[in-house]
Protein backbone atom coordinates (compact mmCIF):
# COMPACT_ATOMS: atom_id res chain seq x y z
CA MET A 1 156.40 104.72 -32.73
CA SER A 2 157.92 106.16 -35.93
CA GLU A 3 161.59 107.13 -35.97
CA HIS A 4 162.31 110.85 -36.22
CA LEU A 5 164.43 112.27 -39.02
CA SER A 6 167.95 113.34 -38.07
CA THR A 7 168.67 117.04 -37.68
CA LYS A 8 172.28 116.56 -38.85
CA PRO A 9 173.32 117.55 -42.40
CA TYR A 10 174.58 115.02 -44.93
CA LYS A 11 178.11 113.83 -44.12
CA GLY A 12 180.83 116.15 -45.34
CA VAL A 13 178.63 119.22 -45.95
CA ARG A 14 177.71 122.20 -43.77
CA ASP A 15 174.64 124.07 -42.61
CA PHE A 16 175.08 127.84 -42.58
CA TYR A 17 173.20 129.46 -39.71
CA PRO A 18 173.04 133.28 -39.84
CA GLU A 19 176.27 133.72 -37.88
CA ASP A 20 178.03 131.30 -40.24
CA MET A 21 176.53 132.99 -43.27
CA SER A 22 177.86 136.36 -42.19
CA VAL A 23 181.39 134.91 -42.24
CA GLN A 24 180.76 133.30 -45.63
CA GLN A 25 179.48 136.59 -47.00
CA TYR A 26 182.61 138.36 -45.75
CA LEU A 27 184.83 135.82 -47.51
CA PHE A 28 182.89 136.08 -50.76
CA GLU A 29 182.75 139.88 -50.74
CA THR A 30 186.50 140.18 -50.14
CA TRP A 31 187.16 137.69 -52.93
CA SER A 32 184.88 139.57 -55.33
CA TYR A 33 186.26 142.99 -54.37
CA THR A 34 189.86 141.87 -54.97
CA ALA A 35 189.16 140.14 -58.28
CA GLU A 36 187.28 143.18 -59.56
CA GLN A 37 190.18 145.42 -58.50
CA PHE A 38 192.16 143.55 -61.17
CA GLY A 39 189.42 143.96 -63.78
CA PHE A 40 188.00 140.44 -63.58
CA LEU A 41 184.36 139.90 -64.57
CA ARG A 42 182.10 137.40 -62.79
CA TYR A 43 180.53 134.38 -64.51
CA GLU A 44 178.61 131.29 -63.36
CA ALA A 45 177.39 127.94 -64.71
CA SER A 46 175.28 124.97 -63.60
CA VAL A 47 176.64 122.52 -61.03
CA LEU A 48 175.72 119.72 -63.49
CA GLU A 49 178.16 118.77 -66.25
CA PRO A 50 178.40 115.80 -68.62
CA SER A 51 180.81 113.30 -67.03
CA GLU A 52 182.84 113.15 -70.25
CA LEU A 53 184.07 116.69 -69.52
CA TYR A 54 186.18 115.32 -66.65
CA LYS A 55 187.15 112.01 -68.26
CA ALA A 56 188.52 113.61 -71.41
CA LYS A 57 192.06 114.20 -70.12
CA GLY A 58 192.98 110.55 -69.57
CA ALA A 59 193.15 107.84 -66.94
CA GLU A 60 193.90 110.11 -63.96
CA ASN A 61 190.76 112.19 -64.51
CA GLU A 62 188.63 109.12 -65.33
CA GLU A 63 189.71 107.59 -62.02
CA MET A 64 188.67 110.80 -60.26
CA VAL A 65 185.22 110.69 -61.91
CA ASN A 66 184.72 107.04 -61.03
CA GLU A 67 185.90 107.25 -57.43
CA GLN A 68 185.73 110.84 -56.15
CA THR A 69 182.69 112.48 -57.72
CA TYR A 70 178.94 112.47 -57.41
CA THR A 71 178.16 110.89 -60.78
CA PHE A 72 174.80 109.47 -61.84
CA THR A 73 172.68 108.60 -64.87
CA ASP A 74 169.79 110.98 -65.44
CA ARG A 75 166.36 110.05 -66.79
CA GLY A 76 167.57 110.66 -70.32
CA LYS A 77 170.25 107.97 -69.82
CA ARG A 78 173.02 110.60 -69.76
CA GLU A 79 175.94 110.29 -67.33
CA VAL A 80 176.09 113.48 -65.28
CA THR A 81 178.55 114.71 -62.64
CA LEU A 82 178.18 117.37 -59.94
CA ARG A 83 181.17 119.56 -60.81
CA PRO A 84 184.26 118.75 -58.70
CA GLU A 85 186.23 121.72 -60.11
CA MET A 86 185.55 124.78 -62.25
CA THR A 87 188.44 124.95 -64.73
CA PRO A 88 186.97 122.49 -67.29
CA THR A 89 183.67 124.39 -67.16
CA VAL A 90 185.21 127.79 -67.83
CA ALA A 91 187.36 126.29 -70.60
CA ARG A 92 184.17 124.91 -72.16
CA MET A 93 182.45 128.30 -71.90
CA VAL A 94 185.39 130.20 -73.41
CA ALA A 95 185.74 127.68 -76.22
CA GLY A 96 182.00 127.96 -76.93
CA ARG A 97 182.20 131.74 -77.46
CA ARG A 98 185.76 131.96 -78.80
CA ASN A 99 184.66 133.84 -81.95
CA GLU A 100 182.67 136.42 -79.97
CA LEU A 101 185.00 137.12 -77.05
CA SER A 102 187.59 139.88 -77.00
CA PHE A 103 190.80 138.45 -75.61
CA PRO A 104 192.38 138.58 -73.12
CA VAL A 105 189.46 137.42 -70.99
CA ARG A 106 189.66 137.89 -67.22
CA TRP A 107 186.89 135.99 -65.47
CA TYR A 108 186.17 134.91 -61.90
CA SER A 109 183.52 132.82 -60.21
CA ILE A 110 182.68 131.46 -56.74
CA PRO A 111 181.22 128.04 -57.59
CA ASN A 112 179.80 125.35 -55.32
CA LEU A 113 181.92 122.19 -55.84
CA PHE A 114 181.44 118.55 -54.86
CA ARG A 115 183.87 115.67 -54.25
CA TYR A 116 183.04 112.30 -52.72
CA GLU A 117 186.13 111.74 -50.58
CA ARG A 118 187.20 111.16 -47.01
CA THR A 119 186.47 114.27 -44.93
CA GLN A 120 189.31 115.83 -42.94
CA ARG A 121 190.51 119.25 -41.79
CA GLY A 122 190.34 121.64 -44.73
CA ARG A 123 188.61 119.12 -47.00
CA LEU A 124 184.88 118.43 -47.13
CA ARG A 125 182.58 116.83 -49.70
CA GLU A 126 181.10 120.18 -50.65
CA HIS A 127 182.70 123.61 -50.63
CA TRP A 128 182.78 126.97 -52.38
CA GLN A 129 185.83 128.13 -54.25
CA LEU A 130 187.10 131.33 -55.81
CA ASN A 131 188.24 130.65 -59.37
CA CYS A 132 190.16 133.32 -61.33
CA ASP A 133 191.37 132.76 -64.90
CA ILE A 134 192.98 134.73 -67.72
CA PHE A 135 192.48 133.40 -71.27
CA GLY A 136 194.14 134.45 -74.50
CA VAL A 137 197.62 135.47 -73.28
CA ASP A 138 200.59 133.10 -73.65
CA ASP A 139 203.03 135.41 -71.94
CA VAL A 140 204.68 135.41 -68.52
CA SER A 141 203.05 138.80 -67.78
CA ALA A 142 199.71 137.01 -67.32
CA ASP A 143 201.33 134.52 -64.93
CA ILE A 144 202.69 137.48 -62.96
CA GLU A 145 199.25 139.13 -62.85
CA ILE A 146 197.58 135.97 -61.54
CA LEU A 147 200.15 135.68 -58.76
CA LEU A 148 199.81 139.37 -57.86
CA LEU A 149 196.05 138.78 -57.59
CA ALA A 150 196.58 135.74 -55.35
CA ASP A 151 198.86 137.78 -53.09
CA ALA A 152 196.40 140.71 -53.00
CA ILE A 153 193.62 138.40 -51.80
CA PHE A 154 195.62 137.40 -48.74
CA ARG A 155 196.65 141.00 -48.09
CA ASN A 156 193.01 142.13 -48.23
CA PHE A 157 192.25 139.64 -45.46
CA GLY A 158 194.97 141.24 -43.34
CA ALA A 159 197.68 138.61 -43.92
CA GLU A 160 201.37 139.32 -44.63
CA ASN A 161 203.46 137.57 -47.27
CA GLY A 162 206.36 135.74 -45.62
CA THR A 163 204.82 136.03 -42.14
CA HIS A 164 201.53 134.20 -42.51
CA TYR A 165 202.02 132.47 -45.87
CA THR A 166 204.41 131.91 -48.76
CA ILE A 167 203.70 131.66 -52.49
CA ASN A 168 205.61 128.66 -53.85
CA VAL A 169 206.18 128.37 -57.61
CA ALA A 170 207.57 125.86 -60.09
CA SER A 171 207.17 125.07 -63.78
CA ARG A 172 205.76 121.97 -65.44
CA ALA A 173 207.35 123.19 -68.69
CA LEU A 174 210.75 123.34 -66.98
CA LEU A 175 210.31 119.81 -65.62
CA GLU A 176 209.29 118.55 -69.07
CA SER A 177 212.32 120.30 -70.57
CA LEU A 178 214.49 118.37 -68.13
CA TYR A 179 212.83 115.09 -69.10
CA ASP A 180 213.36 115.89 -72.81
CA GLN A 181 217.11 115.95 -72.28
CA LEU A 182 217.21 112.64 -70.41
CA THR A 183 216.68 109.02 -71.43
CA MET A 184 213.17 108.58 -70.03
CA SER A 185 210.04 106.85 -71.31
CA ASP A 186 206.54 108.35 -70.99
CA GLU A 187 205.82 105.93 -68.14
CA GLU A 188 208.97 107.02 -66.31
CA ARG A 189 208.02 110.68 -66.72
CA VAL A 190 204.56 110.08 -65.24
CA ALA A 191 206.00 108.05 -62.35
CA ALA A 192 208.65 110.69 -61.57
CA THR A 193 206.12 113.53 -61.68
CA ARG A 194 203.75 111.73 -59.32
CA LEU A 195 206.61 111.01 -56.94
CA ALA A 196 207.59 114.71 -57.03
CA ASP A 197 204.05 115.58 -55.94
CA ARG A 198 204.47 113.32 -52.87
CA LYS A 199 208.09 114.19 -52.07
CA LEU A 200 207.48 116.38 -49.02
CA LYS A 201 205.35 113.66 -47.44
CA MET A 202 208.12 111.05 -47.74
CA LYS A 203 211.45 110.47 -45.98
CA PRO A 204 214.38 111.54 -48.22
CA ALA A 205 215.81 108.02 -48.33
CA THR A 206 212.45 106.50 -49.26
CA PHE A 207 211.89 109.11 -51.93
CA LYS A 208 215.32 108.51 -53.47
CA LYS A 209 214.79 104.74 -53.46
CA GLU A 210 211.41 104.99 -55.19
CA LEU A 211 212.68 107.55 -57.72
CA PHE A 212 215.64 105.35 -58.70
CA ALA A 213 213.25 102.39 -58.99
CA ALA A 214 210.97 104.42 -61.29
CA ILE A 215 213.75 105.61 -63.67
CA ALA A 216 215.82 102.88 -65.30
CA ASP A 217 218.80 105.06 -66.27
CA GLU A 218 220.78 105.84 -63.11
CA ASP A 219 222.30 109.06 -64.48
CA ALA A 220 218.83 110.32 -65.45
CA ALA A 221 217.55 109.45 -61.97
CA LYS A 222 220.43 111.38 -60.37
CA THR A 223 219.67 114.46 -62.51
CA VAL A 224 215.97 114.36 -61.67
CA LEU A 225 216.84 114.00 -57.97
CA THR A 226 219.16 117.03 -58.18
CA TYR A 227 216.34 119.01 -59.80
CA LEU A 228 213.75 118.03 -57.18
CA ASN A 229 216.17 118.75 -54.31
CA ALA A 230 217.02 122.24 -55.59
CA ASP A 231 216.17 124.97 -53.06
CA SER A 232 216.71 127.79 -55.56
CA ILE A 233 217.05 128.35 -59.29
CA SER A 234 220.84 128.63 -58.88
CA THR A 235 221.10 125.01 -57.67
CA LEU A 236 219.22 123.47 -60.62
CA PRO A 237 221.05 120.95 -62.84
CA ALA A 238 223.07 122.50 -65.67
CA THR A 239 220.92 120.70 -68.26
CA VAL A 240 218.06 123.22 -67.81
CA LEU A 241 220.00 126.44 -67.29
CA ASN A 242 219.59 127.76 -70.84
CA CYS A 243 215.99 126.73 -71.61
CA GLU A 244 213.09 129.14 -72.22
CA PRO A 245 210.89 127.90 -69.32
CA LEU A 246 213.66 128.80 -66.86
CA ALA A 247 213.97 132.29 -68.38
CA ASP A 248 210.21 132.79 -67.88
CA LEU A 249 210.36 131.49 -64.31
CA THR A 250 213.32 133.75 -63.49
CA SER A 251 211.55 136.78 -64.96
CA LEU A 252 208.40 135.97 -62.97
CA MET A 253 210.25 135.58 -59.67
CA ASN A 254 212.31 138.76 -60.13
CA THR A 255 209.28 140.85 -61.13
CA LEU A 256 207.18 139.66 -58.18
CA ASP A 257 210.05 140.35 -55.81
CA GLU A 258 210.37 143.90 -57.15
CA ALA A 259 206.58 144.36 -56.80
CA GLY A 260 206.71 143.43 -53.10
CA SER A 261 204.99 140.07 -53.64
CA PRO A 262 207.91 137.62 -53.35
CA VAL A 263 207.59 133.96 -54.29
CA VAL A 264 209.62 130.89 -53.34
CA PHE A 265 210.96 128.32 -55.83
CA ASP A 266 209.70 124.82 -54.98
CA PRO A 267 210.41 122.20 -57.68
CA THR A 268 208.16 119.62 -55.99
CA ILE A 269 205.03 121.55 -56.97
CA VAL A 270 203.56 119.85 -60.03
CA ARG A 271 199.81 120.06 -59.23
CA GLY A 272 197.65 116.98 -59.54
CA PHE A 273 196.02 117.50 -62.92
CA ASP A 274 197.68 116.58 -66.19
CA TYR A 275 196.39 119.68 -67.97
CA TYR A 276 198.98 122.06 -66.46
CA THR A 277 201.61 123.03 -69.03
CA GLY A 278 203.69 125.88 -67.56
CA ILE A 279 203.98 127.85 -64.33
CA VAL A 280 202.35 126.10 -61.36
CA PHE A 281 202.02 127.45 -57.84
CA GLU A 282 200.60 126.90 -54.36
CA VAL A 283 200.15 129.24 -51.40
CA LYS A 284 201.21 127.60 -48.14
CA ASP A 285 200.15 128.46 -44.60
CA LEU A 286 203.09 129.10 -42.24
CA HIS A 287 201.10 128.46 -39.05
CA PRO A 288 202.59 125.37 -37.33
CA GLU A 289 199.13 123.95 -36.61
CA ASN A 290 197.84 124.49 -40.14
CA ASN A 291 200.98 123.98 -42.19
CA ARG A 292 199.45 123.05 -45.53
CA SER A 293 198.76 124.18 -49.06
CA MET A 294 195.70 126.44 -49.17
CA MET A 295 195.27 127.27 -52.83
CA GLY A 296 196.94 126.61 -56.13
CA GLY A 297 196.84 126.84 -59.87
CA GLY A 298 198.91 127.28 -62.96
CA ARG A 299 199.07 127.58 -66.73
CA TYR A 300 197.02 125.26 -68.94
CA ASN A 301 197.50 126.14 -72.61
CA ASP A 302 195.87 123.05 -74.15
CA LEU A 303 192.63 122.61 -72.23
CA THR A 304 190.26 124.43 -74.59
CA GLY A 305 191.61 122.29 -77.45
CA LEU A 306 189.39 119.47 -76.15
CA PHE A 307 186.43 121.36 -77.63
CA GLY A 308 187.89 121.78 -81.11
CA GLY A 309 189.81 124.59 -82.79
CA ASP A 310 193.20 125.92 -81.81
CA PRO A 311 193.86 125.85 -78.04
CA ILE A 312 193.40 129.15 -76.21
CA PRO A 313 196.16 129.72 -73.61
CA GLY A 314 194.96 130.08 -70.04
CA ILE A 315 196.20 130.48 -66.49
CA GLY A 316 194.23 130.50 -63.25
CA PHE A 317 193.76 129.30 -59.70
CA GLY A 318 191.21 128.00 -57.23
CA PHE A 319 190.90 128.96 -53.55
CA GLY A 320 188.47 127.07 -51.30
CA ASP A 321 186.41 128.67 -48.53
CA VAL A 322 187.18 125.89 -46.02
CA THR A 323 190.95 126.28 -46.23
CA LEU A 324 190.64 130.09 -46.19
CA LYS A 325 188.52 130.04 -43.03
CA ASP A 326 190.98 127.65 -41.32
CA PHE A 327 193.84 129.98 -42.30
CA LEU A 328 192.13 133.12 -40.98
CA GLU A 329 191.15 131.43 -37.71
CA SER A 330 194.65 129.99 -37.20
CA HIS A 331 196.18 133.47 -37.50
CA ASN A 332 193.43 135.36 -35.63
CA LEU A 333 192.50 137.26 -38.80
CA LEU A 334 188.80 136.44 -39.02
CA THR A 335 187.13 139.83 -38.50
CA ALA A 336 183.75 139.40 -40.18
CA ASP A 337 180.84 141.31 -38.62
CA VAL A 338 177.48 139.65 -38.15
CA ARG A 339 175.02 141.30 -40.53
CA SER A 340 171.99 142.80 -38.82
CA ALA A 341 169.24 145.34 -39.24
CA THR A 342 169.97 148.96 -38.34
CA LEU A 343 166.69 149.54 -36.50
CA SER A 344 164.25 147.33 -34.60
CA ILE A 345 160.72 148.53 -33.80
CA LEU A 346 159.40 147.07 -30.57
CA PRO A 347 155.61 147.15 -30.13
CA MET A 348 154.58 147.26 -26.47
CA ASP A 349 151.51 145.16 -27.26
CA THR A 350 150.63 142.70 -30.01
CA THR A 351 147.71 144.93 -31.02
CA LEU A 352 150.32 147.40 -32.30
CA ASN A 353 152.16 144.87 -34.52
CA ILE A 354 150.46 145.95 -37.76
CA ASN A 355 151.08 149.64 -37.01
CA ALA A 356 154.71 148.77 -36.32
CA GLN A 357 154.99 147.12 -39.74
CA LYS A 358 153.62 150.24 -41.42
CA ILE A 359 156.14 152.46 -39.63
CA ALA A 360 158.99 150.03 -40.37
CA GLN A 361 158.16 150.17 -44.06
CA GLN A 362 158.67 153.95 -44.09
CA PHE A 363 162.23 153.44 -42.81
CA ARG A 364 162.91 150.59 -45.28
CA LEU A 365 161.80 152.73 -48.21
CA LYS A 366 164.61 155.11 -47.27
CA ASP A 367 167.17 152.24 -47.28
CA ILE A 368 167.28 151.80 -43.50
CA ALA A 369 167.25 148.07 -42.72
CA THR A 370 164.42 147.67 -40.21
CA THR A 371 162.92 144.70 -38.39
CA VAL A 372 159.86 144.42 -36.13
CA ASP A 373 159.85 142.28 -32.99
CA VAL A 374 156.33 140.80 -33.12
CA SER A 375 156.97 138.38 -30.25
CA THR A 376 155.00 138.44 -26.99
CA LYS A 377 158.11 139.20 -24.90
CA LYS A 378 158.21 142.16 -22.52
CA VAL A 379 159.83 145.31 -23.90
CA GLY A 380 162.96 144.86 -21.77
CA LYS A 381 163.51 141.40 -23.23
CA LYS A 382 162.90 142.75 -26.73
CA ILE A 383 165.61 145.36 -26.19
CA SER A 384 168.00 142.66 -24.96
CA ALA A 385 167.20 140.52 -28.02
CA ALA A 386 167.93 143.47 -30.33
CA SER A 387 171.25 144.04 -28.61
CA ASP A 388 172.18 140.35 -28.89
CA ALA A 389 171.38 140.53 -32.63
CA PHE A 390 173.81 143.49 -33.04
CA ILE A 391 171.02 145.90 -34.01
CA ASP A 392 172.08 149.54 -33.69
CA TYR A 393 168.83 151.29 -32.73
CA VAL A 394 165.46 150.46 -31.22
CA LEU A 395 162.14 152.30 -31.35
CA VAL A 396 159.63 151.34 -28.65
CA LEU A 397 156.10 151.75 -30.01
CA GLY A 398 153.22 152.37 -27.60
CA SER A 399 149.73 153.83 -28.14
CA ASP A 400 150.92 157.25 -26.94
CA GLU A 401 153.63 157.40 -29.60
CA LEU A 402 151.18 156.24 -32.24
CA ASP A 403 148.61 158.90 -31.29
CA SER A 404 151.14 161.76 -31.14
CA GLY A 405 153.16 160.75 -34.20
CA THR A 406 156.34 161.42 -32.23
CA TYR A 407 158.72 158.50 -31.66
CA THR A 408 161.98 157.96 -29.79
CA VAL A 409 164.94 156.06 -31.22
CA LYS A 410 167.59 154.77 -28.83
CA ASN A 411 171.20 154.04 -29.78
CA LEU A 412 171.97 150.72 -28.06
CA ALA A 413 175.73 151.30 -28.10
CA THR A 414 175.73 154.77 -26.48
CA GLY A 415 172.33 154.92 -24.78
CA GLU A 416 171.61 158.25 -26.49
CA GLU A 417 168.02 158.95 -27.49
CA GLU A 418 166.46 161.14 -30.17
CA SER A 419 162.79 161.99 -30.62
CA GLY A 420 160.85 163.22 -33.64
CA THR A 421 158.50 162.30 -36.43
CA VAL A 422 159.30 159.36 -38.68
CA GLU A 423 160.56 161.78 -41.34
CA GLU A 424 162.84 163.57 -38.83
CA LEU A 425 164.22 160.28 -37.47
CA ILE A 426 164.87 159.01 -41.00
CA ALA A 427 166.79 162.18 -41.79
CA SER A 428 168.86 161.72 -38.64
CA LEU A 429 169.65 158.03 -39.32
CA VAL A 430 170.73 158.56 -42.91
CA GLU A 431 173.10 161.44 -42.13
């Protein structure tokens, strides 16, 4: 006897049944609505990219391609990767049309992304992600706009800043400015930055021990530790108090506070990718059972330089659908409605199915979403099925109704009924 195929999806990915798809559609529509409120235009690209696009920024990215991506050789002997992120793709697209675009460019996309990694809460091998980017502005005002957009997204899902989440900010430029004033090699800088990224997951004593082991000069290590332990700008080491990156960060924080979208200084935020050059940020969930970073981004002024020509400054973020759904469920904020037809026509006999389709089409042509229950169930069961599917109205079709041309539509929520010709019922439903 042959073995049957499994009905389970591939590990780390999801099937979207209609009820799941209605939630996904709600997430996507809210994302799109908010981005377009800020004047962002939507773009898209193929899920396939040359692997070199992700390897180009050094050993960290090459390791990601080799170990965490779906990478293969196509029939033309080209190494191809299913995109694990969208930022390199949009940088490629902007660089490709740099002479035709009118800057600043505000673009957004909701790409399907793939990473071969261990699955866990909030992290799968395939997900969708909102990406928003501004290109062509090397000014803190663009950083402020991106953070206002991030905050607006959460607000449009019914969340409150400071109650449900916090926006935590730092600056890679400020950290690099600190390094510039200390006796540190390139290797020590990389080691210290990677330790900073892991700081909150380590015990303070362990972190201090590893930091002092990574930086040979003890005074430099002490200064870096003071920086990474700072809980506000006022407690930063004196060596960075007069530098330009701190002035930009201070301006950003003050402006967002005045705009009612406060942010929190967190020097441990460095973001994983080497291409970040300025402001970096993450939005963190405050729910005790889902206390994690949900989205993040930052400024990357050099990325388009990989494609030739002068680099085009950029800033942006990515926000995954899995972490968003976990956040909304944790805080009881998931309010998506299941999408359904407005009207269901219920033939009393299968011999009336074709007539029912003809009548349904008259409603559809007037933009009334209409379905026909062509099953062999009794009418009572058809009405129950329509109710379970969240359909608003039903029209029971028998031979008498067909002969007279007069039909009755019933509101399933109120029980109210209205009779008339198809034209009269259409007029009533579209009021």
